[in-house]
Amino acid sequence: MRARVIRRHDLVRVPWKNGGGTTAEIAAFPEGSGFETFGWRVSMADVASDGPFSLFPGIDRTLIVVEGEGIALDLEGVSYLLDRDTPKLSFPGDDVTAGRLLSGPIRDLNVMTRRGQFRHRTRFAESGVALLSEDTDVAFIVPLDGSFDITVDSAIHSLGVLDALRLDGTQDLIALSGTGRAILVEIAPDLS
């Protein structure tokens, strides 16, 4: 198992695909791939104003509000509210999507996988042990509102809020100790 810490302050911000905001890529596969060529991508976006989301045909995505009050999404005419109580939504990147901020800017974590190649799962974790799915290819742990020490193969990795730990290879159990919540992202080949 290979583990690598990715610090929030080291991420480089780039314009969104539609130019309406900025995003900071945590990781993508293949490395160096662009918006049209990635197999999977994990990033954080700053949303400072209302407006349309970029279209990503053939992509399944999950959006998780990690800072700010929240956002109301309109997906093909259906409304969804993402806030502190319900911060996460999975949806097709093909759907025409627009967002309206509830009260000021937000930062969100985006997980995107190319349909037919990869699939992903996201879940919240707290202190304790996290069990990864056996088909997980790569995983990320991102603390949302506290710091965490994460033990992998007897090595301890300390993370602050919105830092990320990337785990490559197979690993059944990961020990988490800290305060608050973290998000666990698992990406696996789509074998369907």
N, C-alpha and C. Protein backbone atom coordinates (compact mmCIF):
# COMPACT_ATOMS: atom_id res chain seq x y z
N MET A 1 0.86 -1.18 0.00
CA MET A 1 0.00 0.00 0.00
C MET A 1 0.90 1.23 0.00
N ARG A 2 0.63 2.12 -0.91
CA ARG A 2 1.37 3.38 -0.98
C ARG A 2 0.46 4.49 -0.48
N ALA A 3 0.95 5.31 0.44
CA ALA A 3 0.18 6.42 0.99
C ALA A 3 0.92 7.72 0.74
N ARG A 4 0.17 8.75 0.34
CA ARG A 4 0.79 10.05 0.07
C ARG A 4 -0.12 11.16 0.57
N VAL A 5 0.45 12.07 1.37
CA VAL A 5 -0.30 13.21 1.88
C VAL A 5 -0.29 14.33 0.83
N ILE A 6 -1.45 14.91 0.60
CA ILE A 6 -1.60 16.04 -0.32
C ILE A 6 -2.13 17.21 0.51
N ARG A 7 -1.31 18.22 0.69
CA ARG A 7 -1.68 19.36 1.54
C ARG A 7 -2.56 20.34 0.78
N ARG A 8 -3.58 20.81 1.46
CA ARG A 8 -4.54 21.77 0.90
C ARG A 8 -3.82 22.99 0.33
N HIS A 9 -2.83 23.52 1.05
CA HIS A 9 -2.16 24.76 0.61
C HIS A 9 -1.24 24.54 -0.59
N ASP A 10 -0.98 23.28 -0.98
CA ASP A 10 -0.14 23.01 -2.15
C ASP A 10 -0.95 22.89 -3.45
N LEU A 11 -2.27 22.85 -3.34
CA LEU A 11 -3.10 22.67 -4.53
C LEU A 11 -3.09 23.93 -5.39
N VAL A 12 -3.06 23.74 -6.70
CA VAL A 12 -3.04 24.84 -7.65
C VAL A 12 -4.46 25.05 -8.18
N ARG A 13 -4.94 26.29 -8.12
CA ARG A 13 -6.28 26.61 -8.59
C ARG A 13 -6.25 26.90 -10.09
N VAL A 14 -7.22 26.34 -10.82
CA VAL A 14 -7.35 26.57 -12.26
C VAL A 14 -8.81 26.90 -12.57
N PRO A 15 -9.08 27.56 -13.71
CA PRO A 15 -10.47 27.89 -14.07
C PRO A 15 -11.30 26.62 -14.30
N TRP A 16 -12.60 26.73 -13.97
CA TRP A 16 -13.53 25.65 -14.29
C TRP A 16 -13.56 25.43 -15.79
N LYS A 17 -14.10 24.29 -16.17
CA LYS A 17 -14.27 23.97 -17.59
C LYS A 17 -15.09 25.05 -18.29
N ASN A 18 -16.12 25.60 -17.61
CA ASN A 18 -16.96 26.64 -18.23
C ASN A 18 -16.48 28.05 -17.89
N GLY A 19 -15.37 28.17 -17.15
CA GLY A 19 -14.80 29.47 -16.83
C GLY A 19 -15.50 30.23 -15.72
N GLY A 20 -16.53 29.63 -15.08
CA GLY A 20 -17.33 30.34 -14.09
C GLY A 20 -16.80 30.35 -12.67
N GLY A 21 -15.67 29.74 -12.41
CA GLY A 21 -15.10 29.70 -11.06
C GLY A 21 -13.74 29.04 -11.12
N THR A 22 -13.25 28.60 -9.97
CA THR A 22 -11.96 27.92 -9.93
C THR A 22 -12.06 26.59 -9.22
N THR A 23 -11.14 25.70 -9.56
CA THR A 23 -11.07 24.39 -8.95
C THR A 23 -9.60 24.07 -8.66
N ALA A 24 -9.39 23.24 -7.65
CA ALA A 24 -8.04 22.79 -7.30
C ALA A 24 -8.05 21.27 -7.36
N GLU A 25 -7.27 20.72 -8.28
CA GLU A 25 -7.23 19.27 -8.46
C GLU A 25 -6.42 18.63 -7.35
N ILE A 26 -7.02 17.66 -6.68
CA ILE A 26 -6.30 16.85 -5.69
C ILE A 26 -5.55 15.74 -6.41
N ALA A 27 -6.24 15.08 -7.33
CA ALA A 27 -5.61 14.02 -8.14
C ALA A 27 -6.52 13.68 -9.30
N ALA A 28 -5.92 13.15 -10.36
CA ALA A 28 -6.67 12.69 -11.52
C ALA A 28 -5.93 11.51 -12.13
N PHE A 29 -6.68 10.68 -12.85
CA PHE A 29 -6.09 9.55 -13.56
C PHE A 29 -6.59 9.58 -15.00
N PRO A 30 -5.67 9.43 -15.97
CA PRO A 30 -4.23 9.38 -15.79
C PRO A 30 -3.69 10.74 -15.36
N GLU A 31 -2.55 10.72 -14.68
CA GLU A 31 -1.94 11.94 -14.20
C GLU A 31 -1.70 12.88 -15.38
N GLY A 32 -2.05 14.15 -15.19
CA GLY A 32 -1.87 15.15 -16.24
C GLY A 32 -3.02 15.22 -17.24
N SER A 33 -4.05 14.39 -17.05
CA SER A 33 -5.18 14.40 -17.98
C SER A 33 -6.01 15.67 -17.81
N GLY A 34 -6.69 16.06 -18.86
CA GLY A 34 -7.54 17.24 -18.84
C GLY A 34 -8.99 16.88 -18.58
N PHE A 35 -9.86 17.91 -18.65
CA PHE A 35 -11.28 17.71 -18.39
C PHE A 35 -11.93 16.69 -19.32
N GLU A 36 -11.43 16.57 -20.53
CA GLU A 36 -12.05 15.68 -21.52
C GLU A 36 -11.45 14.27 -21.49
N THR A 37 -10.33 14.08 -20.80
CA THR A 37 -9.62 12.80 -20.93
C THR A 37 -9.43 12.03 -19.63
N PHE A 38 -9.84 12.59 -18.47
CA PHE A 38 -9.62 11.86 -17.23
C PHE A 38 -10.51 10.62 -17.13
N GLY A 39 -9.99 9.60 -16.44
CA GLY A 39 -10.79 8.43 -16.09
C GLY A 39 -11.50 8.67 -14.77
N TRP A 40 -10.78 9.32 -13.83
CA TRP A 40 -11.37 9.80 -12.59
C TRP A 40 -10.65 11.06 -12.15
N ARG A 41 -11.36 11.86 -11.34
CA ARG A 41 -10.82 13.13 -10.87
C ARG A 41 -11.41 13.47 -9.51
N VAL A 42 -10.55 13.93 -8.60
CA VAL A 42 -10.99 14.40 -7.27
C VAL A 42 -10.46 15.83 -7.15
N SER A 43 -11.35 16.78 -6.83
CA SER A 43 -10.95 18.18 -6.78
C SER A 43 -11.80 18.94 -5.77
N MET A 44 -11.38 20.18 -5.47
CA MET A 44 -12.15 21.09 -4.63
C MET A 44 -12.44 22.35 -5.43
N ALA A 45 -13.68 22.78 -5.42
CA ALA A 45 -14.08 23.97 -6.18
C ALA A 45 -14.56 25.06 -5.25
N ASP A 46 -14.22 26.30 -5.59
CA ASP A 46 -14.76 27.47 -4.90
C ASP A 46 -15.90 28.01 -5.74
N VAL A 47 -17.08 28.09 -5.13
CA VAL A 47 -18.26 28.62 -5.81
C VAL A 47 -18.59 29.94 -5.15
N ALA A 48 -18.40 31.05 -5.88
CA ALA A 48 -18.58 32.38 -5.31
C ALA A 48 -19.85 33.08 -5.80
N SER A 49 -20.51 32.50 -6.81
CA SER A 49 -21.73 33.13 -7.33
C SER A 49 -22.66 32.08 -7.91
N ASP A 50 -23.90 32.46 -8.07
CA ASP A 50 -24.89 31.58 -8.68
C ASP A 50 -24.54 31.38 -10.14
N GLY A 51 -24.96 30.23 -10.70
CA GLY A 51 -24.74 30.04 -12.12
C GLY A 51 -24.72 28.58 -12.53
N PRO A 52 -24.47 28.35 -13.83
CA PRO A 52 -24.49 26.98 -14.36
C PRO A 52 -23.24 26.21 -13.97
N PHE A 53 -23.40 24.88 -13.86
CA PHE A 53 -22.27 23.98 -13.66
C PHE A 53 -21.76 23.55 -15.02
N SER A 54 -20.49 23.19 -15.07
CA SER A 54 -19.92 22.65 -16.31
C SER A 54 -20.57 21.30 -16.61
N LEU A 55 -20.81 21.05 -17.90
CA LEU A 55 -21.32 19.75 -18.32
C LEU A 55 -20.16 18.78 -18.47
N PHE A 56 -20.35 17.54 -18.00
CA PHE A 56 -19.35 16.49 -18.13
C PHE A 56 -20.05 15.24 -18.67
N PRO A 57 -20.28 15.18 -20.00
CA PRO A 57 -20.95 14.01 -20.59
C PRO A 57 -20.18 12.72 -20.27
N GLY A 58 -20.93 11.68 -19.91
CA GLY A 58 -20.34 10.37 -19.63
C GLY A 58 -19.67 10.26 -18.27
N ILE A 59 -19.87 11.26 -17.42
CA ILE A 59 -19.23 11.30 -16.10
C ILE A 59 -20.28 11.17 -15.00
N ASP A 60 -19.99 10.32 -14.01
CA ASP A 60 -20.79 10.28 -12.78
C ASP A 60 -20.05 11.11 -11.75
N ARG A 61 -20.80 11.96 -11.02
CA ARG A 61 -20.11 12.84 -10.08
C ARG A 61 -20.83 12.90 -8.74
N THR A 62 -20.07 13.20 -7.72
CA THR A 62 -20.59 13.44 -6.38
C THR A 62 -20.04 14.77 -5.92
N LEU A 63 -20.91 15.61 -5.41
CA LEU A 63 -20.54 16.92 -4.89
C LEU A 63 -20.82 16.93 -3.40
N ILE A 64 -19.84 17.38 -2.60
CA ILE A 64 -19.97 17.42 -1.14
C ILE A 64 -19.59 18.83 -0.69
N VAL A 65 -20.51 19.54 -0.05
CA VAL A 65 -20.22 20.87 0.48
C VAL A 65 -19.31 20.70 1.70
N VAL A 66 -18.12 21.33 1.66
CA VAL A 66 -17.16 21.19 2.76
C VAL A 66 -16.95 22.49 3.53
N GLU A 67 -17.31 23.64 2.95
CA GLU A 67 -17.25 24.93 3.64
C GLU A 67 -18.39 25.80 3.14
N GLY A 68 -18.95 26.61 4.03
CA GLY A 68 -20.03 27.51 3.66
C GLY A 68 -21.39 26.96 4.04
N GLU A 69 -22.40 27.79 3.83
CA GLU A 69 -23.76 27.45 4.27
C GLU A 69 -24.46 26.44 3.37
N GLY A 70 -24.14 26.44 2.07
CA GLY A 70 -24.78 25.47 1.20
C GLY A 70 -25.16 26.06 -0.14
N ILE A 71 -25.77 25.19 -0.95
CA ILE A 71 -26.15 25.55 -2.31
C ILE A 71 -27.43 24.81 -2.69
N ALA A 72 -28.30 25.47 -3.42
CA ALA A 72 -29.48 24.83 -3.98
C ALA A 72 -29.15 24.49 -5.43
N LEU A 73 -29.28 23.22 -5.78
CA LEU A 73 -28.99 22.78 -7.13
C LEU A 73 -30.28 22.52 -7.89
N ASP A 74 -30.28 22.85 -9.16
CA ASP A 74 -31.36 22.51 -10.07
C ASP A 74 -30.76 21.57 -11.11
N LEU A 75 -31.18 20.30 -11.07
CA LEU A 75 -30.70 19.29 -12.03
C LEU A 75 -31.85 18.93 -12.94
N GLU A 76 -31.78 19.41 -14.17
CA GLU A 76 -32.82 19.11 -15.16
C GLU A 76 -34.21 19.42 -14.61
N GLY A 77 -34.35 20.53 -13.86
CA GLY A 77 -35.65 20.96 -13.35
C GLY A 77 -36.02 20.38 -12.00
N VAL A 78 -35.19 19.55 -11.41
CA VAL A 78 -35.45 18.98 -10.07
C VAL A 78 -34.53 19.67 -9.07
N SER A 79 -35.10 20.16 -7.95
CA SER A 79 -34.32 20.91 -6.96
C SER A 79 -33.77 20.01 -5.88
N TYR A 80 -32.53 20.30 -5.47
CA TYR A 80 -31.86 19.61 -4.37
C TYR A 80 -31.18 20.66 -3.51
N LEU A 81 -31.25 20.50 -2.21
CA LEU A 81 -30.61 21.41 -1.29
C LEU A 81 -29.42 20.71 -0.65
N LEU A 82 -28.24 21.30 -0.79
CA LEU A 82 -27.04 20.78 -0.14
C LEU A 82 -26.63 21.79 0.93
N ASP A 83 -26.64 21.35 2.19
CA ASP A 83 -26.28 22.22 3.29
C ASP A 83 -25.56 21.40 4.36
N ARG A 84 -25.41 21.94 5.56
CA ARG A 84 -24.68 21.24 6.62
C ARG A 84 -25.34 19.91 7.01
N ASP A 85 -26.67 19.83 6.91
CA ASP A 85 -27.38 18.60 7.28
C ASP A 85 -27.36 17.56 6.17
N THR A 86 -27.41 18.01 4.94
CA THR A 86 -27.39 17.12 3.78
C THR A 86 -26.36 17.67 2.79
N PRO A 87 -25.06 17.39 3.04
CA PRO A 87 -24.02 18.05 2.25
C PRO A 87 -23.62 17.35 0.96
N LYS A 88 -24.24 16.21 0.62
CA LYS A 88 -23.70 15.37 -0.45
C LYS A 88 -24.79 14.98 -1.44
N LEU A 89 -24.42 15.00 -2.75
CA LEU A 89 -25.34 14.56 -3.79
C LEU A 89 -24.55 13.94 -4.93
N SER A 90 -25.02 12.79 -5.42
CA SER A 90 -24.43 12.14 -6.60
C SER A 90 -25.39 12.34 -7.78
N PHE A 91 -24.81 12.64 -8.96
CA PHE A 91 -25.65 12.90 -10.13
C PHE A 91 -24.83 12.74 -11.40
N PRO A 92 -25.50 12.54 -12.55
CA PRO A 92 -24.78 12.44 -13.82
C PRO A 92 -24.26 13.80 -14.26
N GLY A 93 -23.03 13.84 -14.71
CA GLY A 93 -22.44 15.08 -15.21
C GLY A 93 -23.06 15.53 -16.52
N ASP A 94 -23.86 14.66 -17.15
CA ASP A 94 -24.56 14.99 -18.40
C ASP A 94 -25.73 15.93 -18.15
N ASP A 95 -26.28 15.92 -16.90
CA ASP A 95 -27.48 16.71 -16.60
C ASP A 95 -27.16 18.20 -16.56
N VAL A 96 -28.04 18.99 -17.16
CA VAL A 96 -27.92 20.44 -17.07
C VAL A 96 -28.17 20.82 -15.62
N THR A 97 -27.15 21.46 -15.00
CA THR A 97 -27.18 21.75 -13.56
C THR A 97 -26.84 23.21 -13.33
N ALA A 98 -27.60 23.84 -12.43
CA ALA A 98 -27.31 25.23 -12.03
C ALA A 98 -27.36 25.28 -10.51
N GLY A 99 -26.58 26.19 -9.95
CA GLY A 99 -26.53 26.34 -8.50
C GLY A 99 -26.88 27.74 -8.06
N ARG A 100 -27.53 27.83 -6.88
CA ARG A 100 -27.85 29.10 -6.25
C ARG A 100 -27.34 29.03 -4.82
N LEU A 101 -26.41 29.90 -4.47
CA LEU A 101 -25.83 29.89 -3.13
C LEU A 101 -26.86 30.29 -2.09
N LEU A 102 -26.84 29.62 -0.92
CA LEU A 102 -27.81 29.90 0.13
C LEU A 102 -27.45 31.17 0.90
N SER A 103 -26.15 31.33 1.21
CA SER A 103 -25.73 32.50 1.98
C SER A 103 -24.22 32.65 1.86
N GLY A 104 -23.75 33.17 0.76
CA GLY A 104 -22.32 33.37 0.57
C GLY A 104 -21.65 32.21 -0.12
N PRO A 105 -20.35 32.36 -0.39
CA PRO A 105 -19.57 31.36 -1.13
C PRO A 105 -19.49 30.02 -0.40
N ILE A 106 -19.23 28.98 -1.18
CA ILE A 106 -19.00 27.64 -0.62
C ILE A 106 -17.74 27.06 -1.25
N ARG A 107 -17.23 26.04 -0.62
CA ARG A 107 -16.19 25.19 -1.22
C ARG A 107 -16.79 23.79 -1.23
N ASP A 108 -16.60 23.09 -2.35
CA ASP A 108 -17.12 21.72 -2.42
C ASP A 108 -16.03 20.77 -2.89
N LEU A 109 -16.19 19.53 -2.48
CA LEU A 109 -15.33 18.44 -2.94
C LEU A 109 -16.07 17.74 -4.06
N ASN A 110 -15.40 17.56 -5.20
CA ASN A 110 -15.99 16.91 -6.36
C ASN A 110 -15.27 15.59 -6.63
N VAL A 111 -16.04 14.54 -6.80
CA VAL A 111 -15.49 13.25 -7.22
C VAL A 111 -16.16 12.91 -8.53
N MET A 112 -15.35 12.65 -9.57
CA MET A 112 -15.91 12.37 -10.89
C MET A 112 -15.24 11.13 -11.47
N THR A 113 -16.06 10.22 -12.01
CA THR A 113 -15.54 9.01 -12.65
C THR A 113 -16.20 8.85 -14.02
N ARG A 114 -15.40 8.41 -14.98
CA ARG A 114 -15.91 8.20 -16.34
C ARG A 114 -16.68 6.89 -16.38
N ARG A 115 -17.96 7.01 -16.70
CA ARG A 115 -18.88 5.88 -16.76
C ARG A 115 -18.35 4.80 -17.70
N GLY A 116 -18.39 3.55 -17.27
CA GLY A 116 -17.90 2.44 -18.08
C GLY A 116 -16.44 2.13 -17.83
N GLN A 117 -15.71 3.06 -17.22
CA GLN A 117 -14.30 2.83 -16.89
C GLN A 117 -14.06 2.70 -15.39
N PHE A 118 -14.64 3.65 -14.61
CA PHE A 118 -14.48 3.66 -13.17
C PHE A 118 -15.80 3.96 -12.49
N ARG A 119 -15.89 3.65 -11.21
CA ARG A 119 -17.03 4.03 -10.38
C ARG A 119 -16.48 4.48 -9.04
N HIS A 120 -17.27 5.22 -8.30
CA HIS A 120 -16.80 5.70 -7.00
C HIS A 120 -17.89 5.59 -5.94
N ARG A 121 -17.41 5.63 -4.71
CA ARG A 121 -18.30 5.62 -3.55
C ARG A 121 -17.72 6.62 -2.56
N THR A 122 -18.59 7.41 -1.92
CA THR A 122 -18.15 8.34 -0.88
C THR A 122 -18.95 8.07 0.38
N ARG A 123 -18.28 8.22 1.53
CA ARG A 123 -18.99 8.07 2.80
C ARG A 123 -18.25 8.86 3.88
N PHE A 124 -19.00 9.23 4.89
CA PHE A 124 -18.43 9.97 6.00
C PHE A 124 -17.82 9.00 7.00
N ALA A 125 -16.72 9.43 7.63
CA ALA A 125 -16.03 8.60 8.61
C ALA A 125 -15.66 9.47 9.81
N GLU A 126 -15.59 8.85 10.97
CA GLU A 126 -15.13 9.51 12.19
C GLU A 126 -14.03 8.65 12.77
N SER A 127 -13.57 8.99 13.98
CA SER A 127 -12.53 8.17 14.62
C SER A 127 -12.96 6.72 14.67
N GLY A 128 -11.99 5.84 14.47
CA GLY A 128 -12.26 4.41 14.49
C GLY A 128 -11.54 3.74 13.35
N VAL A 129 -12.15 2.69 12.86
CA VAL A 129 -11.55 1.92 11.78
C VAL A 129 -12.44 2.02 10.55
N ALA A 130 -11.85 2.30 9.41
CA ALA A 130 -12.59 2.32 8.15
C ALA A 130 -12.23 1.07 7.36
N LEU A 131 -13.23 0.40 6.87
CA LEU A 131 -13.04 -0.80 6.06
C LEU A 131 -13.25 -0.42 4.60
N LEU A 132 -12.22 -0.64 3.79
CA LEU A 132 -12.32 -0.34 2.37
C LEU A 132 -12.92 -1.52 1.63
N SER A 133 -13.63 -1.25 0.54
CA SER A 133 -14.14 -2.31 -0.31
C SER A 133 -12.96 -3.05 -0.93
N GLU A 134 -13.11 -4.35 -1.13
CA GLU A 134 -11.98 -5.14 -1.63
C GLU A 134 -11.59 -4.80 -3.06
N ASP A 135 -12.49 -4.18 -3.85
CA ASP A 135 -12.14 -3.85 -5.24
C ASP A 135 -11.62 -2.42 -5.40
N THR A 136 -11.40 -1.71 -4.27
CA THR A 136 -10.91 -0.34 -4.33
C THR A 136 -9.51 -0.29 -4.93
N ASP A 137 -9.34 0.56 -5.94
CA ASP A 137 -8.06 0.77 -6.62
C ASP A 137 -7.27 1.88 -5.95
N VAL A 138 -7.98 2.97 -5.66
CA VAL A 138 -7.38 4.14 -5.02
C VAL A 138 -8.43 4.74 -4.09
N ALA A 139 -7.96 5.26 -2.94
CA ALA A 139 -8.87 5.87 -1.97
C ALA A 139 -8.27 7.18 -1.50
N PHE A 140 -9.15 8.07 -1.06
CA PHE A 140 -8.75 9.36 -0.50
C PHE A 140 -9.50 9.55 0.81
N ILE A 141 -8.81 10.09 1.80
CA ILE A 141 -9.44 10.49 3.06
C ILE A 141 -9.19 11.98 3.21
N VAL A 142 -10.28 12.75 3.41
CA VAL A 142 -10.19 14.21 3.51
C VAL A 142 -10.91 14.64 4.78
N PRO A 143 -10.18 15.14 5.80
CA PRO A 143 -10.83 15.67 7.00
C PRO A 143 -11.65 16.92 6.67
N LEU A 144 -12.88 16.98 7.17
CA LEU A 144 -13.76 18.09 6.85
C LEU A 144 -13.78 19.17 7.91
N ASP A 145 -13.69 18.79 9.18
CA ASP A 145 -13.83 19.79 10.23
C ASP A 145 -13.01 19.47 11.47
N GLY A 146 -11.88 18.85 11.29
CA GLY A 146 -10.97 18.55 12.39
C GLY A 146 -9.71 17.91 11.84
N SER A 147 -8.71 17.72 12.68
CA SER A 147 -7.49 17.07 12.22
C SER A 147 -7.55 15.58 12.56
N PHE A 148 -6.84 14.80 11.75
CA PHE A 148 -6.85 13.36 11.90
C PHE A 148 -5.44 12.81 11.81
N ASP A 149 -5.19 11.74 12.57
CA ASP A 149 -4.02 10.90 12.37
C ASP A 149 -4.54 9.61 11.77
N ILE A 150 -3.96 9.20 10.66
CA ILE A 150 -4.42 8.02 9.94
C ILE A 150 -3.27 7.03 9.89
N THR A 151 -3.53 5.83 10.39
CA THR A 151 -2.51 4.79 10.43
C THR A 151 -2.73 3.82 9.28
N VAL A 152 -1.70 3.68 8.45
CA VAL A 152 -1.73 2.77 7.31
C VAL A 152 -0.44 1.98 7.35
N ASP A 153 -0.55 0.66 7.42
CA ASP A 153 0.64 -0.20 7.46
C ASP A 153 1.64 0.28 8.52
N SER A 154 1.15 0.60 9.71
CA SER A 154 1.89 1.05 10.90
C SER A 154 2.56 2.42 10.75
N ALA A 155 2.36 3.12 9.64
CA ALA A 155 2.84 4.49 9.48
C ALA A 155 1.69 5.45 9.80
N ILE A 156 2.00 6.53 10.53
CA ILE A 156 0.99 7.51 10.91
C ILE A 156 1.13 8.75 10.03
N HIS A 157 0.00 9.18 9.44
CA HIS A 157 -0.05 10.36 8.58
C HIS A 157 -0.98 11.37 9.23
N SER A 158 -0.47 12.57 9.52
CA SER A 158 -1.26 13.62 10.17
C SER A 158 -1.83 14.56 9.11
N LEU A 159 -3.15 14.78 9.20
CA LEU A 159 -3.84 15.63 8.22
C LEU A 159 -4.59 16.74 8.93
N GLY A 160 -4.55 17.95 8.34
CA GLY A 160 -5.37 19.05 8.79
C GLY A 160 -6.65 19.10 7.97
N VAL A 161 -7.51 20.05 8.28
CA VAL A 161 -8.77 20.20 7.56
C VAL A 161 -8.51 20.41 6.07
N LEU A 162 -9.17 19.62 5.24
CA LEU A 162 -9.13 19.63 3.78
C LEU A 162 -7.79 19.23 3.18
N ASP A 163 -6.86 18.69 4.00
CA ASP A 163 -5.73 17.96 3.43
C ASP A 163 -6.29 16.64 2.93
N ALA A 164 -5.54 15.90 2.15
CA ALA A 164 -6.00 14.60 1.65
C ALA A 164 -4.89 13.57 1.81
N LEU A 165 -5.29 12.35 2.09
CA LEU A 165 -4.37 11.22 2.07
C LEU A 165 -4.80 10.32 0.93
N ARG A 166 -3.88 10.10 -0.02
CA ARG A 166 -4.16 9.22 -1.16
C ARG A 166 -3.58 7.85 -0.84
N LEU A 167 -4.39 6.82 -1.03
CA LEU A 167 -3.99 5.44 -0.79
C LEU A 167 -4.09 4.66 -2.09
N ASP A 168 -2.96 4.15 -2.57
CA ASP A 168 -2.93 3.34 -3.78
C ASP A 168 -2.65 1.90 -3.40
N GLY A 169 -3.37 0.98 -4.00
CA GLY A 169 -3.18 -0.44 -3.71
C GLY A 169 -4.27 -0.95 -2.79
N THR A 170 -4.16 -2.19 -2.42
CA THR A 170 -5.21 -2.79 -1.61
C THR A 170 -4.86 -2.71 -0.14
N GLN A 171 -5.82 -2.35 0.65
CA GLN A 171 -5.68 -2.24 2.10
C GLN A 171 -7.08 -2.42 2.67
N ASP A 172 -7.23 -3.37 3.59
CA ASP A 172 -8.55 -3.62 4.14
C ASP A 172 -8.96 -2.60 5.19
N LEU A 173 -8.09 -2.36 6.18
CA LEU A 173 -8.44 -1.52 7.32
C LEU A 173 -7.53 -0.31 7.41
N ILE A 174 -8.14 0.81 7.76
CA ILE A 174 -7.41 2.04 7.99
C ILE A 174 -7.86 2.56 9.34
N ALA A 175 -6.92 2.87 10.24
CA ALA A 175 -7.27 3.39 11.57
C ALA A 175 -7.28 4.91 11.52
N LEU A 176 -8.38 5.52 11.98
CA LEU A 176 -8.54 6.97 12.00
C LEU A 176 -8.66 7.43 13.44
N SER A 177 -7.89 8.43 13.82
CA SER A 177 -8.08 9.03 15.14
C SER A 177 -8.05 10.54 14.96
N GLY A 178 -9.01 11.21 15.60
CA GLY A 178 -9.08 12.65 15.48
C GLY A 178 -10.44 13.15 15.91
N THR A 179 -10.70 14.40 15.57
CA THR A 179 -11.97 15.02 15.94
C THR A 179 -12.72 15.38 14.66
N GLY A 180 -14.01 15.40 14.75
CA GLY A 180 -14.81 15.79 13.59
C GLY A 180 -15.04 14.64 12.63
N ARG A 181 -15.35 15.02 11.39
CA ARG A 181 -15.66 14.04 10.34
C ARG A 181 -14.66 14.15 9.20
N ALA A 182 -14.53 13.06 8.50
CA ALA A 182 -13.73 13.02 7.28
C ALA A 182 -14.59 12.37 6.20
N ILE A 183 -14.24 12.61 4.96
CA ILE A 183 -14.91 11.94 3.85
C ILE A 183 -13.95 10.90 3.32
N LEU A 184 -14.46 9.73 3.05
CA LEU A 184 -13.68 8.64 2.47
C LEU A 184 -14.19 8.45 1.04
N VAL A 185 -13.29 8.54 0.08
CA VAL A 185 -13.60 8.36 -1.34
C VAL A 185 -12.93 7.10 -1.80
N GLU A 186 -13.69 6.20 -2.40
CA GLU A 186 -13.14 4.96 -2.97
C GLU A 186 -13.42 4.94 -4.47
N ILE A 187 -12.39 4.62 -5.25
CA ILE A 187 -12.53 4.54 -6.71
C ILE A 187 -12.09 3.15 -7.14
N ALA A 188 -12.90 2.53 -7.99
CA ALA A 188 -12.63 1.18 -8.45
C ALA A 188 -12.93 1.09 -9.94
N PRO A 189 -12.33 0.12 -10.64
CA PRO A 189 -12.68 -0.11 -12.03
C PRO A 189 -14.17 -0.46 -12.15
N ASP A 190 -14.81 -0.01 -13.21
CA ASP A 190 -16.21 -0.34 -13.46
C ASP A 190 -16.22 -1.63 -14.29
N LEU A 191 -16.55 -2.72 -13.63
CA LEU A 191 -16.52 -4.02 -14.29
C LEU A 191 -17.89 -4.46 -14.79
N SER A 192 -18.87 -3.56 -14.73
CA SER A 192 -20.23 -3.95 -15.16
C SER A 192 -20.36 -4.01 -16.66
